[in-house]
Amino acid sequence: MERLFFEGFLLQASLILALGAQNVFVLESGLKRQYPLVVSLVCFLSDFALITLGVIGSASVLTAYPEARIFIGIIGVLFLFSYGWGKIFTKSEKFQESESTLKMTLKRSILLALTFSVLNPHAYLDAFVLIGGYSAKYELLSDRLAVGVGAAAFSGVWFVILSSTSSLLKPHLSNPFLMRKIMSASGIILILLSGKLGMDVISWMIQDLTWEGNALSSMPYPMAPGDLFTSILF
């Protein structure tokens, strides 16, 4: 059981270490000290739920319903672009908010953490296809769950590390001008990620069209009315 746990732990490590929109948001919440532990917890619970569904089903819902993947992808592109665009043009005064104002952002922080976790087609692919598909080689549900728990455990550890280490840099980043540059860089990264996701969505559409075209081409070619009439007579 421990071996299966660490298999999932290492598998998720290979998937989540890449810079993604969810990681960028967790880092930002730590830098601005806007409920970083709450954000980490929400992201962890979201990953845990998706991974659990993936290992229990051990099959890709997104493969069975490719339209859902494309729909989520389009919404994700729009959200990442608009959020990144807003960060690039954030005014410097925003970084000097009072503590009472920050307390008002708890609900918004939770909603944004959920949005970055849910509107991320790659999270579904990782949880359902990669982790769920990997665990499918084990017949026992308990073994598949052990892999999933290990994968979810790394998510929790990773998010806590991201938020805590970034918050340690806050005393060195008290300059609003420097924070402005950091937020602009974060916005540019999010816009680039939206572009990458957009290219993925286009490739998914092409794959679906190709699959449908192959399926249609494999069907018997319909007879013309004249041929049908001839076949009836003779």
C-alpha atoms as a PDB file:
ATOM      1  CA  MET A   1       0.000   0.000   0.000  1.00  0.00           C
ATOM      2  CA  GLU A   2       2.844   2.386   0.785  1.00  0.00           C
ATOM      3  CA  ARG A   3       4.403   1.610  -2.578  1.00  0.00           C
ATOM      4  CA  LEU A   4       1.166   2.537  -4.345  1.00  0.00           C
ATOM      5  CA  PHE A   5       0.927   5.726  -2.304  1.00  0.00           C
ATOM      6  CA  PHE A   6       4.400   6.836  -3.394  1.00  0.00           C
ATOM      7  CA  GLU A   7       3.673   5.863  -6.993  1.00  0.00           C
ATOM      8  CA  GLY A   8       0.791   8.328  -6.991  1.00  0.00           C
ATOM      9  CA  PHE A   9       2.871  10.870  -5.066  1.00  0.00           C
ATOM     10  CA  LEU A  10       5.651  10.817  -7.675  1.00  0.00           C
ATOM     11  CA  LEU A  11       3.220  10.700 -10.581  1.00  0.00           C
ATOM     12  CA  GLN A  12       1.491  13.890  -9.424  1.00  0.00           C
ATOM     13  CA  ALA A  13       4.889  15.502  -8.809  1.00  0.00           C
ATOM     14  CA  SER A  14       5.762  14.989 -12.463  1.00  0.00           C
ATOM     15  CA  LEU A  15       2.476  16.597 -13.526  1.00  0.00           C
ATOM     16  CA  ILE A  16       2.045  19.565 -11.174  1.00  0.00           C
ATOM     17  CA  LEU A  17       5.576  20.989 -11.076  1.00  0.00           C
ATOM     18  CA  ALA A  18       5.103  22.712 -14.423  1.00  0.00           C
ATOM     19  CA  LEU A  19       4.135  26.375 -14.182  1.00  0.00           C
ATOM     20  CA  GLY A  20       0.394  26.651 -14.588  1.00  0.00           C
ATOM     21  CA  ALA A  21      -2.351  29.161 -13.903  1.00  0.00           C
ATOM     22  CA  GLN A  22      -3.298  27.442 -10.641  1.00  0.00           C
ATOM     23  CA  ASN A  23       0.298  27.567  -9.396  1.00  0.00           C
ATOM     24  CA  VAL A  24       0.602  31.220 -10.390  1.00  0.00           C
ATOM     25  CA  PHE A  25      -2.518  32.095  -8.408  1.00  0.00           C
ATOM     26  CA  VAL A  26      -1.296  30.222  -5.304  1.00  0.00           C
ATOM     27  CA  LEU A  27       2.039  32.020  -5.539  1.00  0.00           C
ATOM     28  CA  GLU A  28       0.296  35.358  -5.882  1.00  0.00           C
ATOM     29  CA  SER A  29      -1.941  34.718  -2.860  1.00  0.00           C
ATOM     30  CA  GLY A  30       1.190  34.022  -0.826  1.00  0.00           C
ATOM     31  CA  LEU A  31       2.953  37.129  -2.049  1.00  0.00           C
ATOM     32  CA  LYS A  32       0.003  39.362  -1.217  1.00  0.00           C
ATOM     33  CA  ARG A  33      -0.814  37.415   1.970  1.00  0.00           C
ATOM     34  CA  GLN A  34      -4.395  37.067   0.871  1.00  0.00           C
ATOM     35  CA  TYR A  35      -5.437  33.909   2.706  1.00  0.00           C
ATOM     36  CA  PRO A  36      -2.698  31.701   1.225  1.00  0.00           C
ATOM     37  CA  LEU A  37      -3.545  28.689   3.407  1.00  0.00           C
ATOM     38  CA  VAL A  38      -7.239  28.939   2.510  1.00  0.00           C
ATOM     39  CA  VAL A  39      -6.355  29.158  -1.177  1.00  0.00           C
ATOM     40  CA  SER A  40      -4.013  26.176  -0.826  1.00  0.00           C
ATOM     41  CA  LEU A  41      -6.746  24.189   0.917  1.00  0.00           C
ATOM     42  CA  VAL A  42      -9.329  24.975  -1.774  1.00  0.00           C
ATOM     43  CA  CYS A  43      -6.914  24.005  -4.568  1.00  0.00           C
ATOM     44  CA  PHE A  44      -5.990  20.811  -2.718  1.00  0.00           C
ATOM     45  CA  LEU A  45      -9.633  19.814  -2.164  1.00  0.00           C
ATOM     46  CA  SER A  46     -10.395  20.492  -5.832  1.00  0.00           C
ATOM     47  CA  ASP A  47      -7.501  18.300  -6.952  1.00  0.00           C
ATOM     48  CA  PHE A  48      -8.464  15.645  -4.422  1.00  0.00           C
ATOM     49  CA  ALA A  49     -12.044  15.531  -5.736  1.00  0.00           C
ATOM     50  CA  LEU A  50     -10.949  15.297  -9.379  1.00  0.00           C
ATOM     51  CA  ILE A  51      -8.300  12.655  -8.664  1.00  0.00           C
ATOM     52  CA  THR A  52     -10.768  10.578  -6.629  1.00  0.00           C
ATOM     53  CA  LEU A  53     -13.262  10.651  -9.480  1.00  0.00           C
ATOM     54  CA  GLY A  54     -10.482   9.720 -11.875  1.00  0.00           C
ATOM     55  CA  VAL A  55      -9.243   6.666  -9.956  1.00  0.00           C
ATOM     56  CA  ILE A  56     -12.734   5.437  -9.105  1.00  0.00           C
ATOM     57  CA  GLY A  57     -13.894   5.681 -12.695  1.00  0.00           C
ATOM     58  CA  SER A  58     -10.503   4.701 -14.133  1.00  0.00           C
ATOM     59  CA  ALA A  59     -11.705   6.077 -17.455  1.00  0.00           C
ATOM     60  CA  SER A  60     -11.823   9.451 -19.098  1.00  0.00           C
ATOM     61  CA  VAL A  61     -15.192  11.155 -19.127  1.00  0.00           C
ATOM     62  CA  LEU A  62     -13.590  13.768 -21.367  1.00  0.00           C
ATOM     63  CA  THR A  63     -12.798  11.075 -23.918  1.00  0.00           C
ATOM     64  CA  ALA A  64     -16.398   9.902 -23.931  1.00  0.00           C
ATOM     65  CA  TYR A  65     -17.663  13.494 -24.096  1.00  0.00           C
ATOM     66  CA  PRO A  66     -15.073  15.568 -26.010  1.00  0.00           C
ATOM     67  CA  GLU A  67     -17.531  18.463 -26.276  1.00  0.00           C
ATOM     68  CA  ALA A  68     -17.234  18.997 -22.511  1.00  0.00           C
ATOM     69  CA  ARG A  69     -13.462  19.304 -22.750  1.00  0.00           C
ATOM     70  CA  ILE A  70     -13.734  21.864 -25.549  1.00  0.00           C
ATOM     71  CA  PHE A  71     -16.422  23.844 -23.694  1.00  0.00           C
ATOM     72  CA  ILE A  72     -14.366  23.998 -20.486  1.00  0.00           C
ATOM     73  CA  GLY A  73     -11.298  24.922 -22.524  1.00  0.00           C
ATOM     74  CA  ILE A  74     -12.993  27.877 -24.222  1.00  0.00           C
ATOM     75  CA  ILE A  75     -14.234  29.235 -20.897  1.00  0.00           C
ATOM     76  CA  GLY A  76     -10.767  28.729 -19.422  1.00  0.00           C
ATOM     77  CA  VAL A  77      -9.152  30.686 -22.260  1.00  0.00           C
ATOM     78  CA  LEU A  78     -11.507  33.624 -21.777  1.00  0.00           C
ATOM     79  CA  PHE A  79     -11.043  33.619 -18.004  1.00  0.00           C
ATOM     80  CA  LEU A  80      -7.232  33.397 -18.090  1.00  0.00           C
ATOM     81  CA  PHE A  81      -6.945  36.130 -20.686  1.00  0.00           C
ATOM     82  CA  SER A  82      -9.296  38.542 -18.918  1.00  0.00           C
ATOM     83  CA  TYR A  83      -7.732  37.911 -15.504  1.00  0.00           C
ATOM     84  CA  GLY A  84      -4.194  38.295 -16.870  1.00  0.00           C
ATOM     85  CA  TRP A  85      -5.138  41.443 -18.776  1.00  0.00           C
ATOM     86  CA  GLY A  86      -6.532  42.969 -15.595  1.00  0.00           C
ATOM     87  CA  LYS A  87      -3.303  42.238 -13.732  1.00  0.00           C
ATOM     88  CA  ILE A  88      -1.160  43.951 -16.331  1.00  0.00           C
ATOM     89  CA  PHE A  89      -3.134  47.151 -15.913  1.00  0.00           C
ATOM     90  CA  THR A  90      -3.542  47.000 -12.123  1.00  0.00           C
ATOM     91  CA  LYS A  91      -2.885  50.385 -10.535  1.00  0.00           C
ATOM     92  CA  SER A  92      -0.106  50.688  -7.966  1.00  0.00           C
ATOM     93  CA  GLU A  93      -2.591  51.915  -5.354  1.00  0.00           C
ATOM     94  CA  LYS A  94      -4.130  48.455  -5.299  1.00  0.00           C
ATOM     95  CA  PHE A  95      -1.071  47.131  -3.480  1.00  0.00           C
ATOM     96  CA  GLN A  96      -1.598  49.504  -0.573  1.00  0.00           C
ATOM     97  CA  GLU A  97      -5.030  48.272   0.461  1.00  0.00           C
ATOM     98  CA  SER A  98      -5.976  48.463   4.107  1.00  0.00           C
ATOM     99  CA  GLU A  99      -6.325  45.334   6.205  1.00  0.00           C
ATOM    100  CA  SER A 100     -10.088  45.816   6.410  1.00  0.00           C
ATOM    101  CA  THR A 101     -10.266  45.724   2.630  1.00  0.00           C
ATOM    102  CA  LEU A 102      -8.252  42.500   2.556  1.00  0.00           C
ATOM    103  CA  LYS A 103     -10.724  40.879   4.950  1.00  0.00           C
ATOM    104  CA  MET A 104     -13.433  41.516   2.389  1.00  0.00           C
ATOM    105  CA  THR A 105     -11.589  39.379  -0.184  1.00  0.00           C
ATOM    106  CA  LEU A 106     -11.886  35.993   1.555  1.00  0.00           C
ATOM    107  CA  LYS A 107     -14.934  34.990  -0.482  1.00  0.00           C
ATOM    108  CA  ARG A 108     -13.334  36.264  -3.677  1.00  0.00           C
ATOM    109  CA  SER A 109     -10.115  34.379  -2.930  1.00  0.00           C
ATOM    110  CA  ILE A 110     -12.055  31.154  -2.480  1.00  0.00           C
ATOM    111  CA  LEU A 111     -14.058  31.703  -5.669  1.00  0.00           C
ATOM    112  CA  LEU A 112     -10.910  32.472  -7.665  1.00  0.00           C
ATOM    113  CA  ALA A 113      -9.141  29.403  -6.286  1.00  0.00           C
ATOM    114  CA  LEU A 114     -12.117  27.272  -7.340  1.00  0.00           C
ATOM    115  CA  THR A 115     -12.182  28.943 -10.749  1.00  0.00           C
ATOM    116  CA  PHE A 116      -8.485  28.351 -11.412  1.00  0.00           C
ATOM    117  CA  SER A 117      -8.930  24.728 -10.326  1.00  0.00           C
ATOM    118  CA  VAL A 118     -12.181  23.922 -12.127  1.00  0.00           C
ATOM    119  CA  LEU A 119     -11.750  25.905 -15.359  1.00  0.00           C
ATOM    120  CA  ASN A 120      -8.586  24.022 -16.167  1.00  0.00           C
ATOM    121  CA  PRO A 121      -9.052  21.246 -18.752  1.00  0.00           C
ATOM    122  CA  HIS A 122      -5.531  19.980 -18.096  1.00  0.00           C
ATOM    123  CA  ALA A 123      -6.517  19.250 -14.491  1.00  0.00           C
ATOM    124  CA  TYR A 124      -9.250  16.944 -15.778  1.00  0.00           C
ATOM    125  CA  LEU A 125      -6.866  15.302 -18.230  1.00  0.00           C
ATOM    126  CA  ASP A 126      -4.286  14.763 -15.485  1.00  0.00           C
ATOM    127  CA  ALA A 127      -6.821  13.421 -12.969  1.00  0.00           C
ATOM    128  CA  PHE A 128      -8.996  11.333 -15.298  1.00  0.00           C
ATOM    129  CA  VAL A 129      -6.677  10.272 -18.113  1.00  0.00           C
ATOM    130  CA  LEU A 130      -3.177  10.165 -16.625  1.00  0.00           C
ATOM    131  CA  ILE A 131      -3.705   9.378 -12.943  1.00  0.00           C
ATOM    132  CA  GLY A 132      -7.004   7.542 -13.456  1.00  0.00           C
ATOM    133  CA  GLY A 133      -5.609   5.670 -16.443  1.00  0.00           C
ATOM    134  CA  TYR A 134      -2.428   4.783 -14.569  1.00  0.00           C
ATOM    135  CA  SER A 135      -4.374   3.433 -11.600  1.00  0.00           C
ATOM    136  CA  ALA A 136      -6.603   1.372 -13.908  1.00  0.00           C
ATOM    137  CA  LYS A 137      -3.915  -1.314 -14.096  1.00  0.00           C
ATOM    138  CA  TYR A 138      -4.792  -2.239 -10.510  1.00  0.00           C
ATOM    139  CA  GLU A 139      -7.923  -4.347 -10.196  1.00  0.00           C
ATOM    140  CA  LEU A 140      -8.683  -3.581  -6.545  1.00  0.00           C
ATOM    141  CA  LEU A 141     -10.402  -0.277  -5.834  1.00  0.00           C
ATOM    142  CA  SER A 142      -8.343   0.054  -2.634  1.00  0.00           C
ATOM    143  CA  ASP A 143      -5.138  -0.061  -4.696  1.00  0.00           C
ATOM    144  CA  ARG A 144      -6.412   2.593  -7.097  1.00  0.00           C
ATOM    145  CA  LEU A 145      -7.486   4.758  -4.181  1.00  0.00           C
ATOM    146  CA  ALA A 146      -4.019   4.429  -2.653  1.00  0.00           C
ATOM    147  CA  VAL A 147      -2.513   5.814  -5.866  1.00  0.00           C
ATOM    148  CA  GLY A 148      -5.045   8.638  -5.848  1.00  0.00           C
ATOM    149  CA  VAL A 149      -4.417   9.523  -2.206  1.00  0.00           C
ATOM    150  CA  GLY A 150      -0.697   9.674  -2.910  1.00  0.00           C
ATOM    151  CA  ALA A 151      -1.263  11.992  -5.873  1.00  0.00           C
ATOM    152  CA  ALA A 152      -3.590  14.227  -3.861  1.00  0.00           C
ATOM    153  CA  ALA A 153      -1.112  14.309  -0.971  1.00  0.00           C
ATOM    154  CA  PHE A 154       1.565  15.787  -3.213  1.00  0.00           C
ATOM    155  CA  SER A 155      -0.886  18.463  -4.362  1.00  0.00           C
ATOM    156  CA  GLY A 156      -1.465  19.492  -0.753  1.00  0.00           C
ATOM    157  CA  VAL A 157       2.247  19.581   0.072  1.00  0.00           C
ATOM    158  CA  TRP A 158       3.047  21.487  -3.113  1.00  0.00           C
ATOM    159  CA  PHE A 159       0.432  24.190  -2.582  1.00  0.00           C
ATOM    160  CA  VAL A 160       1.503  24.772   1.012  1.00  0.00           C
ATOM    161  CA  ILE A 161       5.149  25.078  -0.089  1.00  0.00           C
ATOM    162  CA  LEU A 162       4.219  27.535  -2.839  1.00  0.00           C
ATOM    163  CA  SER A 163       2.131  29.783  -0.607  1.00  0.00           C
ATOM    164  CA  SER A 164       4.439  29.702   2.429  1.00  0.00           C
ATOM    165  CA  THR A 165       7.704  30.281   0.593  1.00  0.00           C
ATOM    166  CA  SER A 166       6.263  33.132  -1.453  1.00  0.00           C
ATOM    167  CA  SER A 167       4.889  34.814   1.683  1.00  0.00           C
ATOM    168  CA  LEU A 168       8.391  34.803   3.154  1.00  0.00           C
ATOM    169  CA  LEU A 169       9.454  37.118   0.340  1.00  0.00           C
ATOM    170  CA  LYS A 170       6.798  39.687   1.206  1.00  0.00           C
ATOM    171  CA  PRO A 171       9.061  41.893   3.443  1.00  0.00           C
ATOM    172  CA  HIS A 172      11.438  42.244   0.494  1.00  0.00           C
ATOM    173  CA  LEU A 173       8.603  43.158  -1.860  1.00  0.00           C
ATOM    174  CA  SER A 174       6.993  46.024   0.016  1.00  0.00           C
ATOM    175  CA  ASN A 175       7.794  48.407  -2.819  1.00  0.00           C
ATOM    176  CA  PRO A 176       4.550  49.069  -4.773  1.00  0.00           C
ATOM    177  CA  PHE A 177       6.539  49.677  -7.953  1.00  0.00           C
ATOM    178  CA  LEU A 178       8.223  46.270  -7.655  1.00  0.00           C
ATOM    179  CA  MET A 179       4.913  44.570  -6.874  1.00  0.00           C
ATOM    180  CA  ARG A 180       3.485  46.276  -9.948  1.00  0.00           C
ATOM    181  CA  LYS A 181       6.189  44.649 -12.053  1.00  0.00           C
ATOM    182  CA  ILE A 182       5.558  41.267 -10.449  1.00  0.00           C
ATOM    183  CA  MET A 183       1.823  41.465 -11.052  1.00  0.00           C
ATOM    184  CA  SER A 184       2.418  42.534 -14.653  1.00  0.00           C
ATOM    185  CA  ALA A 185       4.713  39.540 -15.150  1.00  0.00           C
ATOM    186  CA  SER A 186       2.039  37.324 -13.612  1.00  0.00           C
ATOM    187  CA  GLY A 187      -0.533  38.766 -16.010  1.00  0.00           C
ATOM    188  CA  ILE A 188       1.725  38.154 -19.015  1.00  0.00           C
ATOM    189  CA  ILE A 189       2.230  34.537 -17.912  1.00  0.00           C
ATOM    190  CA  LEU A 190      -1.530  34.046 -17.592  1.00  0.00           C
ATOM    191  CA  ILE A 191      -2.120  35.508 -21.060  1.00  0.00           C
ATOM    192  CA  LEU A 192       0.563  33.213 -22.505  1.00  0.00           C
ATOM    193  CA  LEU A 193      -1.090  30.267 -20.756  1.00  0.00           C
ATOM    194  CA  SER A 194      -4.438  31.296 -22.216  1.00  0.00           C
ATOM    195  CA  GLY A 195      -2.827  31.264 -25.655  1.00  0.00           C
ATOM    196  CA  LYS A 196      -1.361  27.820 -25.064  1.00  0.00           C
ATOM    197  CA  LEU A 197      -4.711  26.545 -23.837  1.00  0.00           C
ATOM    198  CA  GLY A 198      -6.348  28.103 -26.884  1.00  0.00           C
ATOM    199  CA  MET A 199      -3.998  26.168 -29.158  1.00  0.00           C
ATOM    200  CA  ASP A 200      -4.857  22.995 -27.250  1.00  0.00           C
ATOM    201  CA  VAL A 201      -8.570  23.660 -27.698  1.00  0.00           C
ATOM    202  CA  ILE A 202      -8.064  24.146 -31.451  1.00  0.00           C
ATOM    203  CA  SER A 203      -6.138  20.859 -31.645  1.00  0.00           C
ATOM    204  CA  TRP A 204      -8.941  19.104 -29.746  1.00  0.00           C
ATOM    205  CA  MET A 205     -11.471  20.475 -32.236  1.00  0.00           C
ATOM    206  CA  ILE A 206      -9.346  19.275 -35.159  1.00  0.00           C
ATOM    207  CA  GLN A 207      -8.997  15.832 -33.570  1.00  0.00           C
ATOM    208  CA  ASP A 208     -12.753  15.570 -33.096  1.00  0.00           C
ATOM    209  CA  LEU A 209     -13.407  16.646 -36.678  1.00  0.00           C
ATOM    210  CA  THR A 210     -10.804  14.166 -37.937  1.00  0.00           C
ATOM    211  CA  TRP A 211     -12.351  11.381 -35.886  1.00  0.00           C
ATOM    212  CA  GLU A 212     -15.833  12.224 -37.168  1.00  0.00           C
ATOM    213  CA  GLY A 213     -14.516  12.383 -40.733  1.00  0.00           C
ATOM    214  CA  ASN A 214     -12.881   8.969 -40.397  1.00  0.00           C
ATOM    215  CA  ALA A 215     -16.055   7.566 -38.905  1.00  0.00           C
ATOM    216  CA  LEU A 216     -18.121   8.936 -41.770  1.00  0.00           C
ATOM    217  CA  SER A 217     -15.668   7.694 -44.388  1.00  0.00           C
ATOM    218  CA  SER A 218     -15.864   4.186 -42.944  1.00  0.00           C
ATOM    219  CA  MET A 219     -19.646   4.129 -43.404  1.00  0.00           C
ATOM    220  CA  PRO A 220     -21.108   2.610 -46.579  1.00  0.00           C
ATOM    221  CA  TYR A 221     -21.384   5.237 -49.301  1.00  0.00           C
ATOM    222  CA  PRO A 222     -25.061   6.033 -49.870  1.00  0.00           C
ATOM    223  CA  MET A 223     -26.430   5.129 -53.304  1.00  0.00           C
ATOM    224  CA  ALA A 224     -27.722   7.803 -55.593  1.00  0.00           C
ATOM    225  CA  PRO A 225     -31.481   7.703 -56.328  1.00  0.00           C
ATOM    226  CA  GLY A 226     -30.779   6.456 -59.846  1.00  0.00           C
ATOM    227  CA  ASP A 227     -28.589   3.626 -58.610  1.00  0.00           C
ATOM    228  CA  LEU A 228     -31.204   2.699 -56.029  1.00  0.00           C
ATOM    229  CA  PHE A 229     -33.908   2.591 -58.738  1.00  0.00           C
ATOM    230  CA  THR A 230     -31.676   0.446 -60.947  1.00  0.00           C
ATOM    231  CA  SER A 231     -30.895  -1.984 -58.139  1.00  0.00           C
ATOM    232  CA  ILE A 232     -34.602  -2.418 -57.471  1.00  0.00           C
ATOM    233  CA  LEU A 233     -35.387  -3.166 -61.160  1.00  0.00           C
ATOM    234  CA  PHE A 234     -32.483  -5.547 -61.697  1.00  0.00           C
END
